[in-house]
């Protein structure tokens, strides 16, 4: 499940497994909640070769609509999941939410969605394109089990390191 806030709609299709290796058609296993302003319909991002994914456009003034849609979709997919971590949620990205809503509103949104995902043994990923040591990242880090920090190194290669809350551990940088 994707909550699209500002990502390029094409990136959703780039992140899904190829239909030839997916256990079920993506249209059965994927839902898109489009909260981008202005909305960028994902159907416009395909060249017709991909199956159209179920999409709901969510517009609301206080983030309750996106939270409700996400929590309902998590409950729906979670009830059908057969294995832990089969349920996956991606919110791309938190930056526009933090730009449009008060910080505490976004934090409350994250707590409620994270709690619902955990209730269904799922996993959620949230993108925040801020430096790890930024104020916003540090203020939100406690809401998550881990923060994955990314960087570009010489030659355009990427590396990651993980910051785990329990226990308080930071891994060394490793290539992606």
C-alpha atoms as a PDB file:
ATOM      1  CA  UNK A   1       0.000   0.000   0.000  1.00  0.00           C
ATOM      2  CA  UNK A   2       1.311   3.429  -0.926  1.00  0.00           C
ATOM      3  CA  UNK A   3       0.369   6.805   0.466  1.00  0.00           C
ATOM      4  CA  UNK A   4       1.497   9.214  -2.224  1.00  0.00           C
ATOM      5  CA  UNK A   5       2.141  12.725  -0.954  1.00  0.00           C
ATOM      6  CA  UNK A   6       4.682  14.074  -3.434  1.00  0.00           C
ATOM      7  CA  UNK A   7       6.489  11.174  -5.109  1.00  0.00           C
ATOM      8  CA  UNK A   8       6.483  10.783  -8.839  1.00  0.00           C
ATOM      9  CA  UNK A   9       3.553   8.451  -9.606  1.00  0.00           C
ATOM     10  CA  UNK A  10       5.817   6.395 -11.881  1.00  0.00           C
ATOM     11  CA  UNK A  11       7.955   5.513  -8.867  1.00  0.00           C
ATOM     12  CA  UNK A  12       5.143   3.348  -7.507  1.00  0.00           C
ATOM     13  CA  UNK A  13       5.328   1.042 -10.501  1.00  0.00           C
ATOM     14  CA  UNK A  14       9.129   1.028 -10.261  1.00  0.00           C
ATOM     15  CA  UNK A  15       8.903  -0.341  -6.691  1.00  0.00           C
ATOM     16  CA  UNK A  16       6.485  -3.185  -7.408  1.00  0.00           C
ATOM     17  CA  UNK A  17       7.689  -6.658  -8.397  1.00  0.00           C
ATOM     18  CA  UNK A  18       7.366  -7.578 -12.041  1.00  0.00           C
ATOM     19  CA  UNK A  19       4.050  -9.275 -12.811  1.00  0.00           C
ATOM     20  CA  UNK A  20       5.982 -12.378 -13.917  1.00  0.00           C
ATOM     21  CA  UNK A  21       7.410 -12.914 -10.392  1.00  0.00           C
ATOM     22  CA  UNK A  22       4.625 -11.499  -8.218  1.00  0.00           C
ATOM     23  CA  UNK A  23       2.588 -14.160  -6.395  1.00  0.00           C
ATOM     24  CA  UNK A  24      -0.637 -12.309  -7.282  1.00  0.00           C
ATOM     25  CA  UNK A  25      -1.451  -9.474  -9.664  1.00  0.00           C
ATOM     26  CA  UNK A  26      -0.413  -6.068  -8.238  1.00  0.00           C
ATOM     27  CA  UNK A  27      -3.989  -4.793  -8.645  1.00  0.00           C
ATOM     28  CA  UNK A  28      -5.027  -7.395  -6.018  1.00  0.00           C
ATOM     29  CA  UNK A  29      -2.225  -6.661  -3.571  1.00  0.00           C
ATOM     30  CA  UNK A  30      -1.632  -2.929  -3.891  1.00  0.00           C
ATOM     31  CA  UNK A  31      -3.694   0.133  -3.078  1.00  0.00           C
ATOM     32  CA  UNK A  32      -2.652   3.752  -3.606  1.00  0.00           C
ATOM     33  CA  UNK A  33      -3.906   6.571  -1.401  1.00  0.00           C
ATOM     34  CA  UNK A  34      -3.160   9.748  -3.298  1.00  0.00           C
ATOM     35  CA  UNK A  35      -2.729  12.727  -0.977  1.00  0.00           C
ATOM     36  CA  UNK A  36      -0.541  14.768  -3.353  1.00  0.00           C
ATOM     37  CA  UNK A  37      -1.389  18.420  -3.833  1.00  0.00           C
ATOM     38  CA  UNK A  38      -2.282  18.831  -6.600  1.00  0.00           C
ATOM     39  CA  UNK A  39      -3.252  15.181  -7.137  1.00  0.00           C
ATOM     40  CA  UNK A  40      -1.052  13.329  -9.628  1.00  0.00           C
ATOM     41  CA  UNK A  41      -3.171  10.385 -10.798  1.00  0.00           C
ATOM     42  CA  UNK A  42      -1.042   7.252 -11.055  1.00  0.00           C
ATOM     43  CA  UNK A  43      -3.017   6.066 -14.082  1.00  0.00           C
ATOM     44  CA  UNK A  44      -1.425   8.953 -15.998  1.00  0.00           C
ATOM     45  CA  UNK A  45       2.027   7.566 -15.146  1.00  0.00           C
ATOM     46  CA  UNK A  46       1.654   4.302 -17.045  1.00  0.00           C
ATOM     47  CA  UNK A  47       2.187   3.601 -20.687  1.00  0.00           C
ATOM     48  CA  UNK A  48      -0.585   1.022 -20.577  1.00  0.00           C
ATOM     49  CA  UNK A  49       1.739  -1.927 -19.991  1.00  0.00           C
ATOM     50  CA  UNK A  50       1.075  -2.036 -16.238  1.00  0.00           C
ATOM     51  CA  UNK A  51      -2.225  -3.027 -14.719  1.00  0.00           C
ATOM     52  CA  UNK A  52      -4.056  -0.077 -13.214  1.00  0.00           C
ATOM     53  CA  UNK A  53      -3.810  -0.067  -9.436  1.00  0.00           C
ATOM     54  CA  UNK A  54      -6.734   0.762  -7.174  1.00  0.00           C
ATOM     55  CA  UNK A  55      -6.383   4.439  -6.254  1.00  0.00           C
ATOM     56  CA  UNK A  56      -8.224   6.673  -3.807  1.00  0.00           C
ATOM     57  CA  UNK A  57      -7.692  10.434  -3.881  1.00  0.00           C
ATOM     58  CA  UNK A  58      -7.657  11.802  -0.338  1.00  0.00           C
ATOM     59  CA  UNK A  59      -7.954  15.502   0.324  1.00  0.00           C
ATOM     60  CA  UNK A  60      -8.488  16.840   3.791  1.00  0.00           C
ATOM     61  CA  UNK A  61      -7.650  19.849   5.870  1.00  0.00           C
ATOM     62  CA  UNK A  62      -6.511  18.120   9.048  1.00  0.00           C
ATOM     63  CA  UNK A  63      -4.877  14.839   7.933  1.00  0.00           C
ATOM     64  CA  UNK A  64      -7.746  12.801   9.389  1.00  0.00           C
ATOM     65  CA  UNK A  65      -8.874  11.651   5.938  1.00  0.00           C
ATOM     66  CA  UNK A  66      -5.494  10.163   5.016  1.00  0.00           C
ATOM     67  CA  UNK A  67      -5.144   8.594   8.474  1.00  0.00           C
ATOM     68  CA  UNK A  68      -8.628   7.045   8.244  1.00  0.00           C
ATOM     69  CA  UNK A  69      -8.060   5.720   4.721  1.00  0.00           C
ATOM     70  CA  UNK A  70      -4.667   4.273   5.673  1.00  0.00           C
ATOM     71  CA  UNK A  71      -5.964   2.640   8.855  1.00  0.00           C
ATOM     72  CA  UNK A  72      -8.955   1.134   7.028  1.00  0.00           C
ATOM     73  CA  UNK A  73      -6.726  -0.193   4.240  1.00  0.00           C
ATOM     74  CA  UNK A  74      -4.288  -1.625   6.792  1.00  0.00           C
ATOM     75  CA  UNK A  75      -7.154  -3.402   8.571  1.00  0.00           C
ATOM     76  CA  UNK A  76      -8.471  -4.735   5.253  1.00  0.00           C
ATOM     77  CA  UNK A  77      -5.108  -5.977   3.979  1.00  0.00           C
ATOM     78  CA  UNK A  78      -4.057  -7.096   7.460  1.00  0.00           C
ATOM     79  CA  UNK A  79      -7.145  -9.308   7.770  1.00  0.00           C
ATOM     80  CA  UNK A  80      -6.157 -11.032   4.508  1.00  0.00           C
ATOM     81  CA  UNK A  81      -2.439 -11.374   5.319  1.00  0.00           C
ATOM     82  CA  UNK A  82      -1.269 -14.889   5.974  1.00  0.00           C
ATOM     83  CA  UNK A  83       2.264 -14.144   7.163  1.00  0.00           C
ATOM     84  CA  UNK A  84       3.926 -11.532   9.391  1.00  0.00           C
ATOM     85  CA  UNK A  85       5.331  -8.592   7.417  1.00  0.00           C
ATOM     86  CA  UNK A  86       3.233  -9.475   4.381  1.00  0.00           C
ATOM     87  CA  UNK A  87       1.466  -6.164   4.928  1.00  0.00           C
ATOM     88  CA  UNK A  88       3.685  -3.291   3.740  1.00  0.00           C
ATOM     89  CA  UNK A  89       2.871   0.408   3.927  1.00  0.00           C
ATOM     90  CA  UNK A  90       4.918   3.172   2.286  1.00  0.00           C
ATOM     91  CA  UNK A  91       4.354   6.882   2.862  1.00  0.00           C
ATOM     92  CA  UNK A  92       6.288   8.926   0.327  1.00  0.00           C
ATOM     93  CA  UNK A  93       7.019  11.450   1.796  1.00  0.00           C
ATOM     94  CA  UNK A  94       6.544  13.073   5.186  1.00  0.00           C
ATOM     95  CA  UNK A  95       7.999  16.394   3.964  1.00  0.00           C
ATOM     96  CA  UNK A  96       4.756  17.777   2.440  1.00  0.00           C
ATOM     97  CA  UNK A  97       2.774  16.632   5.474  1.00  0.00           C
ATOM     98  CA  UNK A  98       5.169  18.486   7.768  1.00  0.00           C
ATOM     99  CA  UNK A  99       4.944  21.532   5.492  1.00  0.00           C
ATOM    100  CA  UNK A 100       1.126  21.616   5.485  1.00  0.00           C
ATOM    101  CA  UNK A 101       0.214  20.424   8.986  1.00  0.00           C
ATOM    102  CA  UNK A 102       1.397  21.218  12.494  1.00  0.00           C
ATOM    103  CA  UNK A 103       4.198  18.965  13.708  1.00  0.00           C
ATOM    104  CA  UNK A 104       2.083  17.425  16.483  1.00  0.00           C
ATOM    105  CA  UNK A 105      -0.699  16.610  13.985  1.00  0.00           C
ATOM    106  CA  UNK A 106       1.809  14.678  11.859  1.00  0.00           C
ATOM    107  CA  UNK A 107       3.253  12.947  14.932  1.00  0.00           C
ATOM    108  CA  UNK A 108      -0.254  11.861  16.026  1.00  0.00           C
ATOM    109  CA  UNK A 109      -0.947  10.634  12.462  1.00  0.00           C
ATOM    110  CA  UNK A 110       2.253   8.555  12.568  1.00  0.00           C
ATOM    111  CA  UNK A 111       1.463   7.057  15.985  1.00  0.00           C
ATOM    112  CA  UNK A 112      -2.014   5.960  14.946  1.00  0.00           C
ATOM    113  CA  UNK A 113      -0.908   4.513  11.599  1.00  0.00           C
ATOM    114  CA  UNK A 114       2.148   2.807  13.141  1.00  0.00           C
ATOM    115  CA  UNK A 115      -0.010   1.283  15.887  1.00  0.00           C
ATOM    116  CA  UNK A 116      -2.494  -0.067  13.328  1.00  0.00           C
ATOM    117  CA  UNK A 117       0.319  -1.532  11.184  1.00  0.00           C
ATOM    118  CA  UNK A 118       1.848  -3.217  14.250  1.00  0.00           C
ATOM    119  CA  UNK A 119      -1.536  -4.667  15.247  1.00  0.00           C
ATOM    120  CA  UNK A 120      -1.539  -6.499  11.903  1.00  0.00           C
ATOM    121  CA  UNK A 121       2.124  -7.611  12.054  1.00  0.00           C
ATOM    122  CA  UNK A 122       2.984  -5.325   9.154  1.00  0.00           C
ATOM    123  CA  UNK A 123       5.846  -3.046   8.249  1.00  0.00           C
ATOM    124  CA  UNK A 124       5.704   0.633   7.364  1.00  0.00           C
ATOM    125  CA  UNK A 125       8.280   2.795   5.611  1.00  0.00           C
ATOM    126  CA  UNK A 126       8.216   6.576   5.728  1.00  0.00           C
ATOM    127  CA  UNK A 127      10.432   8.821   3.607  1.00  0.00           C
ATOM    128  CA  UNK A 128      11.761  12.042   5.119  1.00  0.00           C
ATOM    129  CA  UNK A 129      14.319  13.702   2.846  1.00  0.00           C
ATOM    130  CA  UNK A 130      16.026  15.487   5.761  1.00  0.00           C
ATOM    131  CA  UNK A 131      19.490  14.850   7.179  1.00  0.00           C
ATOM    132  CA  UNK A 132      19.488  12.379  10.066  1.00  0.00           C
ATOM    133  CA  UNK A 133      20.744  15.042  12.479  1.00  0.00           C
ATOM    134  CA  UNK A 134      18.057  17.554  11.428  1.00  0.00           C
ATOM    135  CA  UNK A 135      15.612  18.770  14.040  1.00  0.00           C
ATOM    136  CA  UNK A 136      12.577  17.212  12.300  1.00  0.00           C
ATOM    137  CA  UNK A 137      14.235  13.816  11.915  1.00  0.00           C
ATOM    138  CA  UNK A 138      15.419  13.746  15.514  1.00  0.00           C
ATOM    139  CA  UNK A 139      12.002  14.789  16.824  1.00  0.00           C
ATOM    140  CA  UNK A 140      10.338  11.942  14.871  1.00  0.00           C
ATOM    141  CA  UNK A 141      12.986   9.227  15.322  1.00  0.00           C
ATOM    142  CA  UNK A 142      11.435   7.885  18.550  1.00  0.00           C
ATOM    143  CA  UNK A 143       8.229   7.058  16.665  1.00  0.00           C
ATOM    144  CA  UNK A 144      10.026   4.298  14.733  1.00  0.00           C
ATOM    145  CA  UNK A 145      11.945   1.126  15.492  1.00  0.00           C
ATOM    146  CA  UNK A 146      14.699   2.196  13.099  1.00  0.00           C
ATOM    147  CA  UNK A 147      15.787   5.094  10.933  1.00  0.00           C
ATOM    148  CA  UNK A 148      17.674   4.268   7.753  1.00  0.00           C
ATOM    149  CA  UNK A 149      20.040   7.027   6.720  1.00  0.00           C
ATOM    150  CA  UNK A 150      21.149   7.224   3.081  1.00  0.00           C
ATOM    151  CA  UNK A 151      24.022   9.060   1.450  1.00  0.00           C
ATOM    152  CA  UNK A 152      25.679   9.349  -1.939  1.00  0.00           C
ATOM    153  CA  UNK A 153      29.407   8.643  -2.096  1.00  0.00           C
ATOM    154  CA  UNK A 154      32.090   8.980  -4.764  1.00  0.00           C
ATOM    155  CA  UNK A 155      31.086   7.706  -8.167  1.00  0.00           C
ATOM    156  CA  UNK A 156      27.384   8.255  -7.495  1.00  0.00           C
ATOM    157  CA  UNK A 157      27.088   5.119  -5.381  1.00  0.00           C
ATOM    158  CA  UNK A 158      24.781   5.005  -2.374  1.00  0.00           C
ATOM    159  CA  UNK A 159      25.333   3.809   1.167  1.00  0.00           C
ATOM    160  CA  UNK A 160      23.036   3.238   4.110  1.00  0.00           C
ATOM    161  CA  UNK A 161      23.340   2.949   7.847  1.00  0.00           C
ATOM    162  CA  UNK A 162      20.679   2.032  10.342  1.00  0.00           C
ATOM    163  CA  UNK A 163      19.919   3.739  13.646  1.00  0.00           C
ATOM    164  CA  UNK A 164      18.078   1.269  15.895  1.00  0.00           C
ATOM    165  CA  UNK A 165      16.133   2.543  18.874  1.00  0.00           C
ATOM    166  CA  UNK A 166      16.169  -0.739  20.817  1.00  0.00           C
ATOM    167  CA  UNK A 167      19.015  -1.282  21.555  1.00  0.00           C
ATOM    168  CA  UNK A 168      20.545   2.102  20.878  1.00  0.00           C
ATOM    169  CA  UNK A 169      22.810   1.020  17.998  1.00  0.00           C
ATOM    170  CA  UNK A 170      24.037   2.618  14.791  1.00  0.00           C
ATOM    171  CA  UNK A 171      25.437   0.338  12.103  1.00  0.00           C
ATOM    172  CA  UNK A 172      28.461   1.250  10.000  1.00  0.00           C
ATOM    173  CA  UNK A 173      27.885   2.626   6.497  1.00  0.00           C
ATOM    174  CA  UNK A 174      27.318  -0.179   3.968  1.00  0.00           C
ATOM    175  CA  UNK A 175      26.918  -0.025   0.170  1.00  0.00           C
ATOM    176  CA  UNK A 176      23.443  -0.411  -1.294  1.00  0.00           C
END
